[in-house]
Amino acid sequence: MSPPRRNAPRGRLPAEDYYDVNGDQVMLNLATCQDLQPISACYLEQGAIEERMNVHPPSHFWPLQLLETALLAVLSAAGLIGSLLLLRRRAL
């Protein structure tokens, strides 16, 4: 068995999943790793032999940025309108 590989593809890395010999997903508990132990040895002790990364391709960067900006703008506008309505009620 070889340790998990760290070949990160280009793009954003939203999730890393670890799998055992049978292809089942393994939930790692990194708190059980010793400080001086290599991380690959800790993975192997917990049964993980493969690491898979789900990535967004670089072409998704701007659409995701625009979506996030729009969401934050709507939330900010809602907060501003709510604050103004609250101030108007208290001022009367």
PDB file of N, CA and C in Angstrom:
ATOM      1  N   MET A   1       0.842  -1.186   0.000  1.00  0.00           N
ATOM      2  CA  MET A   1       0.000   0.000   0.000  1.00  0.00           C
ATOM      3  C   MET A   1       0.882   1.241   0.000  1.00  0.00           C
ATOM      4  N   SER A   2       0.529   2.184  -0.826  1.00  0.00           N
ATOM      5  CA  SER A   2       1.274   3.438  -0.866  1.00  0.00           C
ATOM      6  C   SER A   2       0.472   4.520  -0.150  1.00  0.00           C
ATOM      7  N   PRO A   3       1.164   5.531   0.381  1.00  0.00           N
ATOM      8  CA  PRO A   3       0.448   6.613   1.067  1.00  0.00           C
ATOM      9  C   PRO A   3      -0.360   7.435   0.084  1.00  0.00           C
ATOM     10  N   PRO A   4      -1.360   8.173   0.592  1.00  0.00           N
ATOM     11  CA  PRO A   4      -2.165   9.009  -0.296  1.00  0.00           C
ATOM     12  C   PRO A   4      -1.298  10.019  -1.038  1.00  0.00           C
ATOM     13  N   ARG A   5      -1.657  10.288  -2.279  1.00  0.00           N
ATOM     14  CA  ARG A   5      -0.904  11.231  -3.098  1.00  0.00           C
ATOM     15  C   ARG A   5      -1.409  12.646  -2.908  1.00  0.00           C
ATOM     16  N   ARG A   6      -0.537  13.602  -3.117  1.00  0.00           N
ATOM     17  CA  ARG A   6      -0.892  15.008  -2.967  1.00  0.00           C
ATOM     18  C   ARG A   6      -0.779  15.738  -4.299  1.00  0.00           C
ATOM     19  N   ASN A   7      -1.320  15.185  -5.362  1.00  0.00           N
ATOM     20  CA  ASN A   7      -1.291  15.838  -6.671  1.00  0.00           C
ATOM     21  C   ASN A   7      -2.564  16.647  -6.832  1.00  0.00           C
ATOM     22  N   ALA A   8      -2.509  17.909  -6.440  1.00  0.00           N
ATOM     23  CA  ALA A   8      -3.696  18.761  -6.497  1.00  0.00           C
ATOM     24  C   ALA A   8      -3.893  19.293  -7.905  1.00  0.00           C
ATOM     25  N   PRO A   9      -5.052  19.039  -8.498  1.00  0.00           N
ATOM     26  CA  PRO A   9      -5.328  19.624  -9.805  1.00  0.00           C
ATOM     27  C   PRO A   9      -5.539  21.120  -9.676  1.00  0.00           C
ATOM     28  N   ARG A  10      -5.429  21.826 -10.804  1.00  0.00           N
ATOM     29  CA  ARG A  10      -5.643  23.270 -10.774  1.00  0.00           C
ATOM     30  C   ARG A  10      -7.117  23.550 -10.568  1.00  0.00           C
ATOM     31  N   GLY A  11      -7.407  24.578  -9.830  1.00  0.00           N
ATOM     32  CA  GLY A  11      -8.783  24.965  -9.567  1.00  0.00           C
ATOM     33  C   GLY A  11      -9.025  25.087  -8.080  1.00  0.00           C
ATOM     34  N   ARG A  12     -10.231  25.402  -7.726  1.00  0.00           N
ATOM     35  CA  ARG A  12     -10.592  25.572  -6.322  1.00  0.00           C
ATOM     36  C   ARG A  12     -10.837  24.208  -5.691  1.00  0.00           C
ATOM     37  N   LEU A  13     -10.414  24.012  -4.451  1.00  0.00           N
ATOM     38  CA  LEU A  13     -10.544  22.724  -3.768  1.00  0.00           C
ATOM     39  C   LEU A  13     -11.603  22.797  -2.676  1.00  0.00           C
ATOM     40  N   PRO A  14     -12.866  22.525  -2.988  1.00  0.00           N
ATOM     41  CA  PRO A  14     -13.880  22.609  -1.952  1.00  0.00           C
ATOM     42  C   PRO A  14     -13.950  21.396  -1.042  1.00  0.00           C
ATOM     43  N   ALA A  15     -13.471  20.242  -1.485  1.00  0.00           N
ATOM     44  CA  ALA A  15     -13.614  19.052  -0.650  1.00  0.00           C
ATOM     45  C   ALA A  15     -12.538  18.027  -0.963  1.00  0.00           C
ATOM     46  N   GLU A  16     -12.084  17.365   0.096  1.00  0.00           N
ATOM     47  CA  GLU A  16     -11.169  16.240  -0.043  1.00  0.00           C
ATOM     48  C   GLU A  16     -11.831  15.043   0.621  1.00  0.00           C
ATOM     49  N   ASP A  17     -11.882  13.935  -0.059  1.00  0.00           N
ATOM     50  CA  ASP A  17     -12.456  12.711   0.482  1.00  0.00           C
ATOM     51  C   ASP A  17     -11.399  11.629   0.490  1.00  0.00           C
ATOM     52  N   TYR A  18     -11.476  10.734   1.461  1.00  0.00           N
ATOM     53  CA  TYR A  18     -10.510   9.646   1.610  1.00  0.00           C
ATOM     54  C   TYR A  18     -11.248   8.317   1.508  1.00  0.00           C
ATOM     55  N   TYR A  19     -10.590   7.343   0.861  1.00  0.00           N
ATOM     56  CA  TYR A  19     -11.234   6.060   0.600  1.00  0.00           C
ATOM     57  C   TYR A  19     -10.322   4.914   1.013  1.00  0.00           C
ATOM     58  N   ASP A  20     -10.958   3.777   1.376  1.00  0.00           N
ATOM     59  CA  ASP A  20     -10.193   2.591   1.758  1.00  0.00           C
ATOM     60  C   ASP A  20     -10.018   1.660   0.568  1.00  0.00           C
ATOM     61  N   VAL A  21      -9.522   0.453   0.827  1.00  0.00           N
ATOM     62  CA  VAL A  21      -9.220  -0.519  -0.224  1.00  0.00           C
ATOM     63  C   VAL A  21     -10.464  -0.896  -1.018  1.00  0.00           C
ATOM     64  N   ASN A  22     -11.620  -0.973  -0.355  1.00  0.00           N
ATOM     65  CA  ASN A  22     -12.863  -1.374  -1.014  1.00  0.00           C
ATOM     66  C   ASN A  22     -13.553  -0.232  -1.746  1.00  0.00           C
ATOM     67  N   GLY A  23     -13.025   0.964  -1.650  1.00  0.00           N
ATOM     68  CA  GLY A  23     -13.644   2.115  -2.297  1.00  0.00           C
ATOM     69  C   GLY A  23     -14.665   2.818  -1.437  1.00  0.00           C
ATOM     70  N   ASP A  24     -14.764   2.414  -0.162  1.00  0.00           N
ATOM     71  CA  ASP A  24     -15.694   3.060   0.757  1.00  0.00           C
ATOM     72  C   ASP A  24     -15.044   4.308   1.351  1.00  0.00           C
ATOM     73  N   GLN A  25     -15.862   5.322   1.582  1.00  0.00           N
ATOM     74  CA  GLN A  25     -15.328   6.568   2.132  1.00  0.00           C
ATOM     75  C   GLN A  25     -14.930   6.374   3.591  1.00  0.00           C
ATOM     76  N   VAL A  26     -13.784   6.947   3.959  1.00  0.00           N
ATOM     77  CA  VAL A  26     -13.259   6.853   5.320  1.00  0.00           C
ATOM     78  C   VAL A  26     -13.311   8.246   5.938  1.00  0.00           C
ATOM     79  N   MET A  27     -13.864   8.343   7.135  1.00  0.00           N
ATOM     80  CA  MET A  27     -13.871   9.608   7.864  1.00  0.00           C
ATOM     81  C   MET A  27     -12.628   9.629   8.745  1.00  0.00           C
ATOM     82  N   LEU A  28     -11.715  10.532   8.461  1.00  0.00           N
ATOM     83  CA  LEU A  28     -10.471  10.614   9.209  1.00  0.00           C
ATOM     84  C   LEU A  28     -10.654  11.423  10.483  1.00  0.00           C
ATOM     85  N   ASN A  29      -9.983  10.962  11.540  1.00  0.00           N
ATOM     86  CA  ASN A  29      -9.941  11.690  12.800  1.00  0.00           C
ATOM     87  C   ASN A  29      -8.492  12.098  13.028  1.00  0.00           C
ATOM     88  N   LEU A  30      -8.135  13.305  12.602  1.00  0.00           N
ATOM     89  CA  LEU A  30      -6.755  13.753  12.689  1.00  0.00           C
ATOM     90  C   LEU A  30      -6.326  14.043  14.119  1.00  0.00           C
ATOM     91  N   ALA A  31      -7.277  14.101  15.052  1.00  0.00           N
ATOM     92  CA  ALA A  31      -6.933  14.323  16.456  1.00  0.00           C
ATOM     93  C   ALA A  31      -6.194  13.123  17.043  1.00  0.00           C
ATOM     94  N   THR A  32      -6.354  11.950  16.432  1.00  0.00           N
ATOM     95  CA  THR A  32      -5.673  10.756  16.951  1.00  0.00           C
ATOM     96  C   THR A  32      -4.245  10.639  16.441  1.00  0.00           C
ATOM     97  N   CYS A  33      -3.845  11.491  15.526  1.00  0.00           N
ATOM     98  CA  CYS A  33      -2.483  11.449  14.981  1.00  0.00           C
ATOM     99  C   CYS A  33      -1.499  12.010  15.999  1.00  0.00           C
ATOM    100  N   GLN A  34      -0.320  11.420  16.018  1.00  0.00           N
ATOM    101  CA  GLN A  34       0.729  11.916  16.900  1.00  0.00           C
ATOM    102  C   GLN A  34       1.438  13.075  16.223  1.00  0.00           C
ATOM    103  N   ASP A  35       1.986  13.982  17.022  1.00  0.00           N
ATOM    104  CA  ASP A  35       2.613  15.189  16.485  1.00  0.00           C
ATOM    105  C   ASP A  35       3.787  14.900  15.567  1.00  0.00           C
ATOM    106  N   LEU A  36       4.612  13.935  15.895  1.00  0.00           N
ATOM    107  CA  LEU A  36       5.812  13.665  15.108  1.00  0.00           C
ATOM    108  C   LEU A  36       5.585  12.637  14.005  1.00  0.00           C
ATOM    109  N   GLN A  37       4.394  12.101  13.922  1.00  0.00           N
ATOM    110  CA  GLN A  37       4.067  11.081  12.935  1.00  0.00           C
ATOM    111  C   GLN A  37       3.778  11.738  11.579  1.00  0.00           C
ATOM    112  N   PRO A  38       4.310  11.194  10.497  1.00  0.00           N
ATOM    113  CA  PRO A  38       3.950  11.731   9.173  1.00  0.00           C
ATOM    114  C   PRO A  38       2.449  11.573   8.929  1.00  0.00           C
ATOM    115  N   ILE A  39       1.874  12.548   8.264  1.00  0.00           N
ATOM    116  CA  ILE A  39       0.425  12.538   8.040  1.00  0.00           C
ATOM    117  C   ILE A  39       0.000  11.341   7.189  1.00  0.00           C
ATOM    118  N   SER A  40       0.861  10.901   6.268  1.00  0.00           N
ATOM    119  CA  SER A  40       0.514   9.746   5.443  1.00  0.00           C
ATOM    120  C   SER A  40       0.416   8.480   6.279  1.00  0.00           C
ATOM    121  N   ALA A  41       1.252   8.356   7.303  1.00  0.00           N
ATOM    122  CA  ALA A  41       1.176   7.189   8.194  1.00  0.00           C
ATOM    123  C   ALA A  41      -0.119   7.216   8.993  1.00  0.00           C
ATOM    124  N   CYS A  42      -0.543   8.397   9.395  1.00  0.00           N
ATOM    125  CA  CYS A  42      -1.804   8.531  10.131  1.00  0.00           C
ATOM    126  C   CYS A  42      -2.980   8.126   9.245  1.00  0.00           C
ATOM    127  N   TYR A  43      -2.947   8.543   7.967  1.00  0.00           N
ATOM    128  CA  TYR A  43      -4.000   8.149   7.027  1.00  0.00           C
ATOM    129  C   TYR A  43      -4.067   6.624   6.898  1.00  0.00           C
ATOM    130  N   LEU A  44      -2.897   6.001   6.747  1.00  0.00           N
ATOM    131  CA  LEU A  44      -2.857   4.551   6.563  1.00  0.00           C
ATOM    132  C   LEU A  44      -3.355   3.814   7.799  1.00  0.00           C
ATOM    133  N   GLU A  45      -3.039   4.306   8.981  1.00  0.00           N
ATOM    134  CA  GLU A  45      -3.516   3.667  10.218  1.00  0.00           C
ATOM    135  C   GLU A  45      -5.037   3.678  10.304  1.00  0.00           C
ATOM    136  N   GLN A  46      -5.654   4.683   9.728  1.00  0.00           N
ATOM    137  CA  GLN A  46      -7.114   4.792   9.773  1.00  0.00           C
ATOM    138  C   GLN A  46      -7.777   4.148   8.562  1.00  0.00           C
ATOM    139  N   GLY A  47      -6.973   3.534   7.693  1.00  0.00           N
ATOM    140  CA  GLY A  47      -7.513   2.771   6.582  1.00  0.00           C
ATOM    141  C   GLY A  47      -7.626   3.517   5.272  1.00  0.00           C
ATOM    142  N   ALA A  48      -7.197   4.762   5.223  1.00  0.00           N
ATOM    143  CA  ALA A  48      -7.312   5.541   3.983  1.00  0.00           C
ATOM    144  C   ALA A  48      -6.100   5.267   3.101  1.00  0.00           C
ATOM    145  N   ILE A  49      -6.360   4.821   1.873  1.00  0.00           N
ATOM    146  CA  ILE A  49      -5.254   4.585   0.948  1.00  0.00           C
ATOM    147  C   ILE A  49      -5.345   5.473  -0.286  1.00  0.00           C
ATOM    148  N   GLU A  50      -6.473   6.186  -0.423  1.00  0.00           N
ATOM    149  CA  GLU A  50      -6.661   7.026  -1.606  1.00  0.00           C
ATOM    150  C   GLU A  50      -7.327   8.328  -1.201  1.00  0.00           C
ATOM    151  N   GLU A  51      -6.870   9.400  -1.812  1.00  0.00           N
ATOM    152  CA  GLU A  51      -7.445  10.714  -1.573  1.00  0.00           C
ATOM    153  C   GLU A  51      -8.011  11.234  -2.893  1.00  0.00           C
ATOM    154  N   ARG A  52      -9.245  11.680  -2.856  1.00  0.00           N
ATOM    155  CA  ARG A  52      -9.863  12.262  -4.046  1.00  0.00           C
ATOM    156  C   ARG A  52     -10.287  13.680  -3.717  1.00  0.00           C
ATOM    157  N   MET A  53     -10.039  14.583  -4.643  1.00  0.00           N
ATOM    158  CA  MET A  53     -10.413  15.978  -4.456  1.00  0.00           C
ATOM    159  C   MET A  53     -11.452  16.374  -5.493  1.00  0.00           C
ATOM    160  N   ASN A  54     -12.525  16.955  -5.023  1.00  0.00           N
ATOM    161  CA  ASN A  54     -13.547  17.502  -5.917  1.00  0.00           C
ATOM    162  C   ASN A  54     -13.173  18.950  -6.182  1.00  0.00           C
ATOM    163  N   VAL A  55     -13.036  19.308  -7.432  1.00  0.00           N
ATOM    164  CA  VAL A  55     -12.582  20.655  -7.762  1.00  0.00           C
ATOM    165  C   VAL A  55     -13.553  21.348  -8.708  1.00  0.00           C
ATOM    166  N   HIS A  56     -13.547  22.669  -8.606  1.00  0.00           N
ATOM    167  CA  HIS A  56     -14.221  23.489  -9.598  1.00  0.00           C
ATOM    168  C   HIS A  56     -13.183  23.867 -10.636  1.00  0.00           C
ATOM    169  N   PRO A  57     -13.483  23.735 -11.900  1.00  0.00           N
ATOM    170  CA  PRO A  57     -12.509  24.158 -12.911  1.00  0.00           C
ATOM    171  C   PRO A  57     -12.331  25.673 -12.873  1.00  0.00           C
ATOM    172  N   PRO A  58     -11.204  26.155 -13.356  1.00  0.00           N
ATOM    173  CA  PRO A  58     -10.962  27.601 -13.349  1.00  0.00           C
ATOM    174  C   PRO A  58     -12.045  28.411 -14.067  1.00  0.00           C
ATOM    175  N   SER A  59     -12.743  27.812 -15.011  1.00  0.00           N
ATOM    176  CA  SER A  59     -13.796  28.542 -15.733  1.00  0.00           C
ATOM    177  C   SER A  59     -14.988  28.877 -14.841  1.00  0.00           C
ATOM    178  N   HIS A  60     -15.106  28.243 -13.676  1.00  0.00           N
ATOM    179  CA  HIS A  60     -16.205  28.531 -12.753  1.00  0.00           C
ATOM    180  C   HIS A  60     -15.900  29.699 -11.832  1.00  0.00           C
ATOM    181  N   PHE A  61     -14.681  30.233 -11.879  1.00  0.00           N
ATOM    182  CA  PHE A  61     -14.280  31.261 -10.919  1.00  0.00           C
ATOM    183  C   PHE A  61     -15.190  32.489 -10.969  1.00  0.00           C
ATOM    184  N   TRP A  62     -15.326  33.127 -12.130  1.00  0.00           N
ATOM    185  CA  TRP A  62     -16.113  34.352 -12.206  1.00  0.00           C
ATOM    186  C   TRP A  62     -17.601  34.134 -11.977  1.00  0.00           C
ATOM    187  N   PRO A  63     -18.212  33.084 -12.517  1.00  0.00           N
ATOM    188  CA  PRO A  63     -19.624  32.876 -12.179  1.00  0.00           C
ATOM    189  C   PRO A  63     -19.855  32.685 -10.675  1.00  0.00           C
ATOM    190  N   LEU A  64     -18.960  31.977 -10.003  1.00  0.00           N
ATOM    191  CA  LEU A  64     -19.103  31.801  -8.556  1.00  0.00           C
ATOM    192  C   LEU A  64     -18.888  33.121  -7.819  1.00  0.00           C
ATOM    193  N   GLN A  65     -17.937  33.927  -8.276  1.00  0.00           N
ATOM    194  CA  GLN A  65     -17.700  35.228  -7.656  1.00  0.00           C
ATOM    195  C   GLN A  65     -18.928  36.130  -7.810  1.00  0.00           C
ATOM    196  N   LEU A  66     -19.515  36.136  -9.002  1.00  0.00           N
ATOM    197  CA  LEU A  66     -20.694  36.970  -9.237  1.00  0.00           C
ATOM    198  C   LEU A  66     -21.883  36.510  -8.404  1.00  0.00           C
ATOM    199  N   LEU A  67     -22.062  35.211  -8.287  1.00  0.00           N
ATOM    200  CA  LEU A  67     -23.157  34.675  -7.478  1.00  0.00           C
ATOM    201  C   LEU A  67     -22.971  35.053  -6.004  1.00  0.00           C
ATOM    202  N   GLU A  68     -21.772  34.900  -5.498  1.00  0.00           N
ATOM    203  CA  GLU A  68     -21.494  35.243  -4.106  1.00  0.00           C
ATOM    204  C   GLU A  68     -21.691  36.742  -3.863  1.00  0.00           C
ATOM    205  N   THR A  69     -21.231  37.570  -4.783  1.00  0.00           N
ATOM    206  CA  THR A  69     -21.392  39.020  -4.658  1.00  0.00           C
ATOM    207  C   THR A  69     -22.866  39.404  -4.676  1.00  0.00           C
ATOM    208  N   ALA A  70     -23.640  38.805  -5.568  1.00  0.00           N
ATOM    209  CA  ALA A  70     -25.068  39.100  -5.647  1.00  0.00           C
ATOM    210  C   ALA A  70     -25.781  38.692  -4.358  1.00  0.00           C
ATOM    211  N   LEU A  71     -25.437  37.538  -3.823  1.00  0.00           N
ATOM    212  CA  LEU A  71     -26.052  37.070  -2.581  1.00  0.00           C
ATOM    213  C   LEU A  71     -25.746  38.029  -1.434  1.00  0.00           C
ATOM    214  N   LEU A  72     -24.496  38.441  -1.314  1.00  0.00           N
ATOM    215  CA  LEU A  72     -24.130  39.370  -0.247  1.00  0.00           C
ATOM    216  C   LEU A  72     -24.769  40.740  -0.444  1.00  0.00           C
ATOM    217  N   ALA A  73     -24.910  41.181  -1.678  1.00  0.00           N
ATOM    218  CA  ALA A  73     -25.568  42.461  -1.947  1.00  0.00           C
ATOM    219  C   ALA A  73     -27.037  42.411  -1.532  1.00  0.00           C
ATOM    220  N   VAL A  74     -27.724  41.312  -1.828  1.00  0.00           N
ATOM    221  CA  VAL A  74     -29.134  41.165  -1.445  1.00  0.00           C
ATOM    222  C   VAL A  74     -29.264  41.135   0.075  1.00  0.00           C
ATOM    223  N   LEU A  75     -28.393  40.402   0.754  1.00  0.00           N
ATOM    224  CA  LEU A  75     -28.449  40.351   2.221  1.00  0.00           C
ATOM    225  C   LEU A  75     -28.152  41.719   2.832  1.00  0.00           C
ATOM    226  N   SER A  76     -27.201  42.433   2.265  1.00  0.00           N
ATOM    227  CA  SER A  76     -26.883  43.781   2.762  1.00  0.00           C
ATOM    228  C   SER A  76     -28.054  44.726   2.551  1.00  0.00           C
ATOM    229  N   ALA A  77     -28.678  44.659   1.383  1.00  0.00           N
ATOM    230  CA  ALA A  77     -29.838  45.512   1.104  1.00  0.00           C
ATOM    231  C   ALA A  77     -30.984  45.189   2.057  1.00  0.00           C
ATOM    232  N   ALA A  78     -31.213  43.922   2.323  1.00  0.00           N
ATOM    233  CA  ALA A  78     -32.278  43.531   3.253  1.00  0.00           C
ATOM    234  C   ALA A  78     -31.978  44.049   4.656  1.00  0.00           C
ATOM    235  N   GLY A  79     -30.738  43.961   5.078  1.00  0.00           N
ATOM    236  CA  GLY A  79     -30.363  44.492   6.393  1.00  0.00           C
ATOM    237  C   GLY A  79     -30.509  46.001   6.458  1.00  0.00           C
ATOM    238  N   LEU A  80     -30.135  46.684   5.412  1.00  0.00           N
ATOM    239  CA  LEU A  80     -30.257  48.142   5.360  1.00  0.00           C
ATOM    240  C   LEU A  80     -31.725  48.568   5.399  1.00  0.00           C
ATOM    241  N   ILE A  81     -32.547  47.915   4.603  1.00  0.00           N
ATOM    242  CA  ILE A  81     -33.977  48.252   4.583  1.00  0.00           C
ATOM    243  C   ILE A  81     -34.608  47.965   5.943  1.00  0.00           C
ATOM    244  N   GLY A  82     -34.259  46.847   6.537  1.00  0.00           N
ATOM    245  CA  GLY A  82     -34.780  46.526   7.869  1.00  0.00           C
ATOM    246  C   GLY A  82     -34.350  47.538   8.904  1.00  0.00           C
ATOM    247  N   SER A  83     -33.105  47.970   8.848  1.00  0.00           N
ATOM    248  CA  SER A  83     -32.616  48.985   9.791  1.00  0.00           C
ATOM    249  C   SER A  83     -33.326  50.308   9.599  1.00  0.00           C
ATOM    250  N   LEU A  84     -33.513  50.732   8.343  1.00  0.00           N
ATOM    251  CA  LEU A  84     -34.202  51.991   8.082  1.00  0.00           C
ATOM    252  C   LEU A  84     -35.651  51.947   8.542  1.00  0.00           C
ATOM    253  N   LEU A  85     -36.333  50.823   8.331  1.00  0.00           N
ATOM    254  CA  LEU A  85     -37.714  50.695   8.795  1.00  0.00           C
ATOM    255  C   LEU A  85     -37.779  50.734  10.310  1.00  0.00           C
ATOM    256  N   LEU A  86     -36.847  50.103  10.966  1.00  0.00           N
ATOM    257  CA  LEU A  86     -36.820  50.102  12.423  1.00  0.00           C
ATOM    258  C   LEU A  86     -36.550  51.513  12.964  1.00  0.00           C
ATOM    259  N   LEU A  87     -35.617  52.229  12.349  1.00  0.00           N
ATOM    260  CA  LEU A  87     -35.323  53.601  12.772  1.00  0.00           C
ATOM    261  C   LEU A  87     -36.516  54.522  12.516  1.00  0.00           C
ATOM    262  N   ARG A  88     -37.199  54.316  11.406  1.00  0.00           N
ATOM    263  CA  ARG A  88     -38.354  55.165  11.079  1.00  0.00           C
ATOM    264  C   ARG A  88     -39.470  54.958  12.104  1.00  0.00           C
ATOM    265  N   ARG A  89     -39.698  53.728  12.523  1.00  0.00           N
ATOM    266  CA  ARG A  89     -40.750  53.444  13.519  1.00  0.00           C
ATOM    267  C   ARG A  89     -40.399  54.079  14.852  1.00  0.00           C
ATOM    268  N   ARG A  90     -39.140  54.018  15.246  1.00  0.00           N
ATOM    269  CA  ARG A  90     -38.736  54.569  16.542  1.00  0.00           C
ATOM    270  C   ARG A  90     -38.702  56.098  16.516  1.00  0.00           C
ATOM    271  N   ALA A  91     -38.500  56.676  15.345  1.00  0.00           N
ATOM    272  CA  ALA A  91     -38.428  58.128  15.231  1.00  0.00           C
ATOM    273  C   ALA A  91     -39.809  58.764  15.312  1.00  0.00           C
ATOM    274  N   LEU A  92     -40.849  58.013  14.978  1.00  0.00           N
ATOM    275  CA  LEU A  92     -42.218  58.575  14.983  1.00  0.00           C
ATOM    276  C   LEU A  92     -42.792  58.608  16.346  1.00  0.00           C
TER     277      LEU A  92
END
